PDB file of all heavy atoms in Angstrom:
ATOM      1  N   ARG A   1       0.318  -4.564  -5.687  1.00  0.00           N
ATOM      2  CA  ARG A   1       1.750  -4.775  -5.463  1.00  0.00           C
ATOM      3  C   ARG A   1       2.551  -4.461  -6.718  1.00  0.00           C
ATOM      4  O   ARG A   1       3.591  -3.799  -6.662  1.00  0.00           O
ATOM      5  CB  ARG A   1       1.988  -6.217  -5.021  1.00  0.00           C
ATOM      6  CG  ARG A   1       3.447  -6.528  -4.701  1.00  0.00           C
ATOM      7  CD  ARG A   1       3.578  -7.982  -4.259  1.00  0.00           C
ATOM      8  NE  ARG A   1       4.966  -8.309  -3.970  1.00  0.00           N
ATOM      9  CZ  ARG A   1       5.575  -8.050  -2.827  1.00  0.00           C
ATOM     10  NH1 ARG A   1       4.914  -7.443  -1.858  1.00  0.00           N
ATOM     11  NH2 ARG A   1       6.835  -8.390  -2.629  1.00  0.00           N
ATOM     12  N   MET A   2       2.064  -4.916  -7.867  1.00  0.00           N
ATOM     13  CA  MET A   2       2.771  -4.657  -9.122  1.00  0.00           C
ATOM     14  C   MET A   2       2.760  -3.167  -9.436  1.00  0.00           C
ATOM     15  O   MET A   2       3.751  -2.611  -9.909  1.00  0.00           O
ATOM     16  CB  MET A   2       2.123  -5.455 -10.258  1.00  0.00           C
ATOM     17  CG  MET A   2       2.855  -5.327 -11.589  1.00  0.00           C
ATOM     18  SD  MET A   2       4.592  -5.840 -11.502  1.00  0.00           S
ATOM     19  CE  MET A   2       4.391  -7.613 -11.210  1.00  0.00           C
ATOM     20  N   TRP A   3       1.632  -2.509  -9.184  1.00  0.00           N
ATOM     21  CA  TRP A   3       1.526  -1.066  -9.408  1.00  0.00           C
ATOM     22  C   TRP A   3       2.560  -0.330  -8.554  1.00  0.00           C
ATOM     23  O   TRP A   3       3.245   0.587  -9.011  1.00  0.00           O
ATOM     24  CB  TRP A   3       0.114  -0.593  -9.051  1.00  0.00           C
ATOM     25  CG  TRP A   3      -0.300   0.686  -9.725  1.00  0.00           C
ATOM     26  CD1 TRP A   3       0.429   1.835  -9.836  1.00  0.00           C
ATOM     27  CD2 TRP A   3      -1.531   0.941 -10.393  1.00  0.00           C
ATOM     28  NE1 TRP A   3      -0.266   2.785 -10.518  1.00  0.00           N
ATOM     29  CE2 TRP A   3      -1.483   2.274 -10.872  1.00  0.00           C
ATOM     30  CE3 TRP A   3      -2.677   0.187 -10.616  1.00  0.00           C
ATOM     31  CZ2 TRP A   3      -2.539   2.865 -11.552  1.00  0.00           C
ATOM     32  CZ3 TRP A   3      -3.720   0.782 -11.301  1.00  0.00           C
ATOM     33  CH2 TRP A   3      -3.656   2.095 -11.768  1.00  0.00           C
ATOM     34  N   SER A   4       2.705  -0.761  -7.293  1.00  0.00           N
ATOM     35  CA  SER A   4       3.640  -0.115  -6.378  1.00  0.00           C
ATOM     36  C   SER A   4       5.090  -0.331  -6.792  1.00  0.00           C
ATOM     37  O   SER A   4       5.955   0.490  -6.486  1.00  0.00           O
ATOM     38  CB  SER A   4       3.431  -0.647  -4.956  1.00  0.00           C
ATOM     39  OG  SER A   4       2.140  -0.331  -4.486  1.00  0.00           O
ATOM     40  N   LYS A   5       5.356  -1.447  -7.451  1.00  0.00           N
ATOM     41  CA  LYS A   5       6.718  -1.681  -7.944  1.00  0.00           C
ATOM     42  C   LYS A   5       7.055  -0.774  -9.120  1.00  0.00           C
ATOM     43  O   LYS A   5       8.202  -0.374  -9.314  1.00  0.00           O
ATOM     44  CB  LYS A   5       6.878  -3.148  -8.377  1.00  0.00           C
ATOM     45  CG  LYS A   5       7.145  -4.113  -7.242  1.00  0.00           C
ATOM     46  CD  LYS A   5       7.456  -5.494  -7.801  1.00  0.00           C
ATOM     47  CE  LYS A   5       7.842  -6.452  -6.692  1.00  0.00           C
ATOM     48  NZ  LYS A   5       8.198  -7.789  -7.220  1.00  0.00           N
ATOM     49  N   LYS A   6       6.041  -0.462  -9.913  1.00  0.00           N
ATOM     50  CA  LYS A   6       6.272   0.312 -11.118  1.00  0.00           C
ATOM     51  C   LYS A   6       6.148   1.818 -10.912  1.00  0.00           C
ATOM     52  O   LYS A   6       6.829   2.605 -11.573  1.00  0.00           O
ATOM     53  CB  LYS A   6       5.275  -0.121 -12.216  1.00  0.00           C
ATOM     54  CG  LYS A   6       5.495  -1.515 -12.761  1.00  0.00           C
ATOM     55  CD  LYS A   6       4.439  -1.866 -13.787  1.00  0.00           C
ATOM     56  CE  LYS A   6       4.694  -3.209 -14.435  1.00  0.00           C
ATOM     57  NZ  LYS A   6       5.869  -3.193 -15.318  1.00  0.00           N
ATOM     58  N   VAL A   7       5.259   2.220  -9.989  1.00  0.00           N
ATOM     59  CA  VAL A   7       4.894   3.633  -9.869  1.00  0.00           C
ATOM     60  C   VAL A   7       5.141   4.130  -8.453  1.00  0.00           C
ATOM     61  O   VAL A   7       4.676   3.517  -7.480  1.00  0.00           O
ATOM     62  CB  VAL A   7       3.408   3.865 -10.239  1.00  0.00           C
ATOM     63  CG1 VAL A   7       3.078   5.346 -10.184  1.00  0.00           C
ATOM     64  CG2 VAL A   7       3.104   3.291 -11.624  1.00  0.00           C
ATOM     65  N   ALA A   8       5.865   5.258  -8.341  1.00  0.00           N
ATOM     66  CA  ALA A   8       6.035   5.938  -7.056  1.00  0.00           C
ATOM     67  C   ALA A   8       5.436   7.337  -7.177  1.00  0.00           C
ATOM     68  O   ALA A   8       5.464   7.947  -8.251  1.00  0.00           O
ATOM     69  CB  ALA A   8       7.509   6.035  -6.677  1.00  0.00           C
ATOM     70  N   VAL A   9       4.895   7.818  -6.064  1.00  0.00           N
ATOM     71  CA  VAL A   9       4.229   9.115  -6.099  1.00  0.00           C
ATOM     72  C   VAL A   9       4.610   9.934  -4.868  1.00  0.00           C
ATOM     73  O   VAL A   9       4.742   9.387  -3.769  1.00  0.00           O
ATOM     74  CB  VAL A   9       2.687   8.945  -6.201  1.00  0.00           C
ATOM     75  CG1 VAL A   9       2.155   8.159  -5.022  1.00  0.00           C
ATOM     76  CG2 VAL A   9       1.988  10.293  -6.316  1.00  0.00           C
ATOM     77  N   VAL A  10       4.819  11.223  -5.073  1.00  0.00           N
ATOM     78  CA  VAL A  10       5.105  12.157  -3.976  1.00  0.00           C
ATOM     79  C   VAL A  10       4.066  13.267  -4.053  1.00  0.00           C
ATOM     80  O   VAL A  10       4.068  14.067  -5.000  1.00  0.00           O
ATOM     81  CB  VAL A  10       6.515  12.762  -4.090  1.00  0.00           C
ATOM     82  CG1 VAL A  10       6.771  13.735  -2.934  1.00  0.00           C
ATOM     83  CG2 VAL A  10       7.568  11.669  -4.105  1.00  0.00           C
ATOM     84  N   PHE A  11       3.175  13.297  -3.069  1.00  0.00           N
ATOM     85  CA  PHE A  11       2.143  14.322  -3.050  1.00  0.00           C
ATOM     86  C   PHE A  11       2.612  15.544  -2.273  1.00  0.00           C
ATOM     87  O   PHE A  11       3.564  15.483  -1.486  1.00  0.00           O
ATOM     88  CB  PHE A  11       0.850  13.784  -2.434  1.00  0.00           C
ATOM     89  CG  PHE A  11       0.121  12.819  -3.322  1.00  0.00           C
ATOM     90  CD1 PHE A  11      -0.030  11.497  -2.960  1.00  0.00           C
ATOM     91  CD2 PHE A  11      -0.389  13.248  -4.542  1.00  0.00           C
ATOM     92  CE1 PHE A  11      -0.696  10.612  -3.779  1.00  0.00           C
ATOM     93  CE2 PHE A  11      -1.051  12.361  -5.376  1.00  0.00           C
ATOM     94  CZ  PHE A  11      -1.207  11.042  -4.999  1.00  0.00           C
ATOM     95  N   GLN A  12       1.935  16.659  -2.495  1.00  0.00           N
ATOM     96  CA  GLN A  12       2.299  17.903  -1.832  1.00  0.00           C
ATOM     97  C   GLN A  12       2.029  17.822  -0.328  1.00  0.00           C
ATOM     98  O   GLN A  12       2.791  18.323   0.484  1.00  0.00           O
ATOM     99  CB  GLN A  12       1.523  19.066  -2.448  1.00  0.00           C
ATOM    100  CG  GLN A  12       2.044  20.430  -2.066  1.00  0.00           C
ATOM    101  CD  GLN A  12       1.317  21.525  -2.811  1.00  0.00           C
ATOM    102  OE1 GLN A  12       0.409  21.273  -3.586  1.00  0.00           O
ATOM    103  NE2 GLN A  12       1.706  22.756  -2.573  1.00  0.00           N
ATOM    104  N   GLU A  13       0.925  17.159   0.032  1.00  0.00           N
ATOM    105  CA  GLU A  13       0.603  17.003   1.444  1.00  0.00           C
ATOM    106  C   GLU A  13       1.397  15.820   1.988  1.00  0.00           C
ATOM    107  O   GLU A  13       1.312  14.716   1.455  1.00  0.00           O
ATOM    108  CB  GLU A  13      -0.892  16.742   1.650  1.00  0.00           C
ATOM    109  CG  GLU A  13      -1.802  17.791   1.031  1.00  0.00           C
ATOM    110  CD  GLU A  13      -2.056  17.573  -0.452  1.00  0.00           C
ATOM    111  OE1 GLU A  13      -1.722  16.479  -0.946  1.00  0.00           O
ATOM    112  OE2 GLU A  13      -2.554  18.497  -1.100  1.00  0.00           O
ATOM    113  N   VAL A  14       2.176  16.039   3.042  1.00  0.00           N
ATOM    114  CA  VAL A  14       2.966  14.962   3.630  1.00  0.00           C
ATOM    115  C   VAL A  14       2.409  14.617   5.009  1.00  0.00           C
ATOM    116  O   VAL A  14       1.819  15.470   5.679  1.00  0.00           O
ATOM    117  CB  VAL A  14       4.457  15.368   3.752  1.00  0.00           C
ATOM    118  CG1 VAL A  14       5.044  15.638   2.395  1.00  0.00           C
ATOM    119  CG2 VAL A  14       4.619  16.577   4.663  1.00  0.00           C
ATOM    120  N   PRO A  15       2.570  13.352   5.446  1.00  0.00           N
ATOM    121  CA  PRO A  15       2.113  12.985   6.790  1.00  0.00           C
ATOM    122  C   PRO A  15       2.800  13.857   7.839  1.00  0.00           C
ATOM    123  O   PRO A  15       3.995  14.136   7.737  1.00  0.00           O
ATOM    124  CB  PRO A  15       2.540  11.513   6.919  1.00  0.00           C
ATOM    125  CG  PRO A  15       2.757  11.047   5.520  1.00  0.00           C
ATOM    126  CD  PRO A  15       3.199  12.235   4.732  1.00  0.00           C
ATOM    127  N   GLN A  16       2.062  14.284   8.839  1.00  0.00           N
ATOM    128  CA  GLN A  16       2.603  15.210   9.825  1.00  0.00           C
ATOM    129  C   GLN A  16       3.086  14.533  11.101  1.00  0.00           C
ATOM    130  O   GLN A  16       4.007  15.006  11.745  1.00  0.00           O
ATOM    131  CB  GLN A  16       1.544  16.269  10.175  1.00  0.00           C
ATOM    132  CG  GLN A  16       1.130  17.134   8.999  1.00  0.00           C
ATOM    133  CD  GLN A  16       2.291  17.922   8.413  1.00  0.00           C
ATOM    134  OE1 GLN A  16       3.085  18.523   9.140  1.00  0.00           O
ATOM    135  NE2 GLN A  16       2.397  17.919   7.089  1.00  0.00           N
ATOM    136  N   ASN A  17       2.491  13.428  11.490  1.00  0.00           N
ATOM    137  CA  ASN A  17       2.756  12.876  12.824  1.00  0.00           C
ATOM    138  C   ASN A  17       3.257  11.437  12.791  1.00  0.00           C
ATOM    139  O   ASN A  17       2.915  10.645  13.673  1.00  0.00           O
ATOM    140  CB  ASN A  17       1.486  12.972  13.680  1.00  0.00           C
ATOM    141  CG  ASN A  17       1.034  14.414  13.852  1.00  0.00           C
ATOM    142  OD1 ASN A  17       1.836  15.276  14.198  1.00  0.00           O
ATOM    143  ND2 ASN A  17      -0.238  14.673  13.594  1.00  0.00           N
ATOM    144  N   LEU A  18       4.038  11.086  11.796  1.00  0.00           N
ATOM    145  CA  LEU A  18       4.598   9.741  11.747  1.00  0.00           C
ATOM    146  C   LEU A  18       5.604   9.565  12.881  1.00  0.00           C
ATOM    147  O   LEU A  18       6.557  10.338  13.005  1.00  0.00           O
ATOM    148  CB  LEU A  18       5.298   9.501  10.409  1.00  0.00           C
ATOM    149  CG  LEU A  18       4.425   9.175   9.195  1.00  0.00           C
ATOM    150  CD1 LEU A  18       5.294   9.013   7.965  1.00  0.00           C
ATOM    151  CD2 LEU A  18       3.612   7.911   9.430  1.00  0.00           C
ATOM    152  N   ASP A  19       5.403   8.550  13.703  1.00  0.00           N
ATOM    153  CA  ASP A  19       6.309   8.297  14.821  1.00  0.00           C
ATOM    154  C   ASP A  19       7.443   7.376  14.363  1.00  0.00           C
ATOM    155  O   ASP A  19       7.677   6.308  14.935  1.00  0.00           O
ATOM    156  CB  ASP A  19       5.527   7.676  15.988  1.00  0.00           C
ATOM    157  CG  ASP A  19       6.348   7.672  17.269  1.00  0.00           C
ATOM    158  OD1 ASP A  19       7.283   8.498  17.372  1.00  0.00           O
ATOM    159  OD2 ASP A  19       6.066   6.833  18.146  1.00  0.00           O
ATOM    160  N   LEU A  20       8.133   7.815  13.299  1.00  0.00           N
ATOM    161  CA  LEU A  20       9.226   7.056  12.707  1.00  0.00           C
ATOM    162  C   LEU A  20      10.393   7.992  12.439  1.00  0.00           C
ATOM    163  O   LEU A  20      10.208   9.202  12.267  1.00  0.00           O
ATOM    164  CB  LEU A  20       8.788   6.415  11.380  1.00  0.00           C
ATOM    165  CG  LEU A  20       7.644   5.401  11.413  1.00  0.00           C
ATOM    166  CD1 LEU A  20       7.205   5.087   9.987  1.00  0.00           C
ATOM    167  CD2 LEU A  20       8.059   4.127  12.145  1.00  0.00           C
ATOM    168  N   THR A  21      11.583   7.430  12.389  1.00  0.00           N
ATOM    169  CA  THR A  21      12.721   8.252  11.989  1.00  0.00           C
ATOM    170  C   THR A  21      12.666   8.482  10.483  1.00  0.00           C
ATOM    171  O   THR A  21      11.963   7.771   9.754  1.00  0.00           O
ATOM    172  CB  THR A  21      14.051   7.570  12.337  1.00  0.00           C
ATOM    173  OG1 THR A  21      14.182   6.384  11.538  1.00  0.00           O
ATOM    174  CG2 THR A  21      14.124   7.226  13.814  1.00  0.00           C
ATOM    175  N   SER A  22      13.434   9.451  10.026  1.00  0.00           N
ATOM    176  CA  SER A  22      13.472   9.742   8.590  1.00  0.00           C
ATOM    177  C   SER A  22      13.935   8.526   7.805  1.00  0.00           C
ATOM    178  O   SER A  22      13.395   8.211   6.732  1.00  0.00           O
ATOM    179  CB  SER A  22      14.405  10.931   8.332  1.00  0.00           C
ATOM    180  OG  SER A  22      13.953  12.073   9.006  1.00  0.00           O
ATOM    181  N   GLN A  23      14.931   7.818   8.312  1.00  0.00           N
ATOM    182  CA  GLN A  23      15.431   6.638   7.607  1.00  0.00           C
ATOM    183  C   GLN A  23      14.362   5.556   7.528  1.00  0.00           C
ATOM    184  O   GLN A  23      14.236   4.879   6.495  1.00  0.00           O
ATOM    185  CB  GLN A  23      16.675   6.096   8.316  1.00  0.00           C
ATOM    186  CG  GLN A  23      17.312   4.916   7.584  1.00  0.00           C
ATOM    187  CD  GLN A  23      18.660   4.536   8.159  1.00  0.00           C
ATOM    188  OE1 GLN A  23      19.363   5.379   8.701  1.00  0.00           O
ATOM    189  NE2 GLN A  23      19.018   3.275   8.046  1.00  0.00           N
ATOM    190  N   GLU A  24      13.585   5.399   8.591  1.00  0.00           N
ATOM    191  CA  GLU A  24      12.513   4.397   8.577  1.00  0.00           C
ATOM    192  C   GLU A  24      11.441   4.757   7.555  1.00  0.00           C
ATOM    193  O   GLU A  24      10.875   3.882   6.885  1.00  0.00           O
ATOM    194  CB  GLU A  24      11.905   4.267   9.971  1.00  0.00           C
ATOM    195  CG  GLU A  24      12.822   3.568  10.963  1.00  0.00           C
ATOM    196  CD  GLU A  24      12.322   3.649  12.397  1.00  0.00           C
ATOM    197  OE1 GLU A  24      11.559   4.603  12.718  1.00  0.00           O
ATOM    198  OE2 GLU A  24      12.702   2.794  13.208  1.00  0.00           O
ATOM    199  N   VAL A  25      11.168   6.061   7.401  1.00  0.00           N
ATOM    200  CA  VAL A  25      10.191   6.502   6.393  1.00  0.00           C
ATOM    201  C   VAL A  25      10.698   6.179   4.993  1.00  0.00           C
ATOM    202  O   VAL A  25       9.956   5.661   4.141  1.00  0.00           O
ATOM    203  CB  VAL A  25       9.905   8.009   6.535  1.00  0.00           C
ATOM    204  CG1 VAL A  25       9.046   8.500   5.360  1.00  0.00           C
ATOM    205  CG2 VAL A  25       9.201   8.306   7.854  1.00  0.00           C
ATOM    206  N   VAL A  26      11.976   6.445   4.745  1.00  0.00           N
ATOM    207  CA  VAL A  26      12.551   6.166   3.421  1.00  0.00           C
ATOM    208  C   VAL A  26      12.561   4.658   3.170  1.00  0.00           C
ATOM    209  O   VAL A  26      12.298   4.199   2.045  1.00  0.00           O
ATOM    210  CB  VAL A  26      13.972   6.753   3.312  1.00  0.00           C
ATOM    211  CG1 VAL A  26      14.600   6.400   1.955  1.00  0.00           C
ATOM    212  CG2 VAL A  26      13.930   8.268   3.485  1.00  0.00           C
ATOM    213  N   THR A  27      12.825   3.877   4.209  1.00  0.00           N
ATOM    214  CA  THR A  27      12.846   2.411   4.068  1.00  0.00           C
ATOM    215  C   THR A  27      11.492   1.873   3.631  1.00  0.00           C
ATOM    216  O   THR A  27      11.413   0.822   2.967  1.00  0.00           O
ATOM    217  CB  THR A  27      13.293   1.761   5.387  1.00  0.00           C
ATOM    218  OG1 THR A  27      14.585   2.271   5.743  1.00  0.00           O
ATOM    219  CG2 THR A  27      13.366   0.247   5.262  1.00  0.00           C
ATOM    220  N   MET A  28      10.412   2.594   3.959  1.00  0.00           N
ATOM    221  CA  MET A  28       9.078   2.163   3.525  1.00  0.00           C
ATOM    222  C   MET A  28       8.990   2.055   2.005  1.00  0.00           C
ATOM    223  O   MET A  28       8.161   1.306   1.472  1.00  0.00           O
ATOM    224  CB  MET A  28       8.019   3.136   4.050  1.00  0.00           C
ATOM    225  CG  MET A  28       7.840   3.092   5.564  1.00  0.00           C
ATOM    226  SD  MET A  28       6.850   4.481   6.183  1.00  0.00           S
ATOM    227  CE  MET A  28       5.261   4.129   5.405  1.00  0.00           C
TER     228      MET A  28
END
């Protein structure tokens, strides 16, 4: 949890089939 608060990561491969809206993905 502490690591996630301090570090964010964006990988080249993105999830393809998330059944969520774009705003819901960002809210994650």
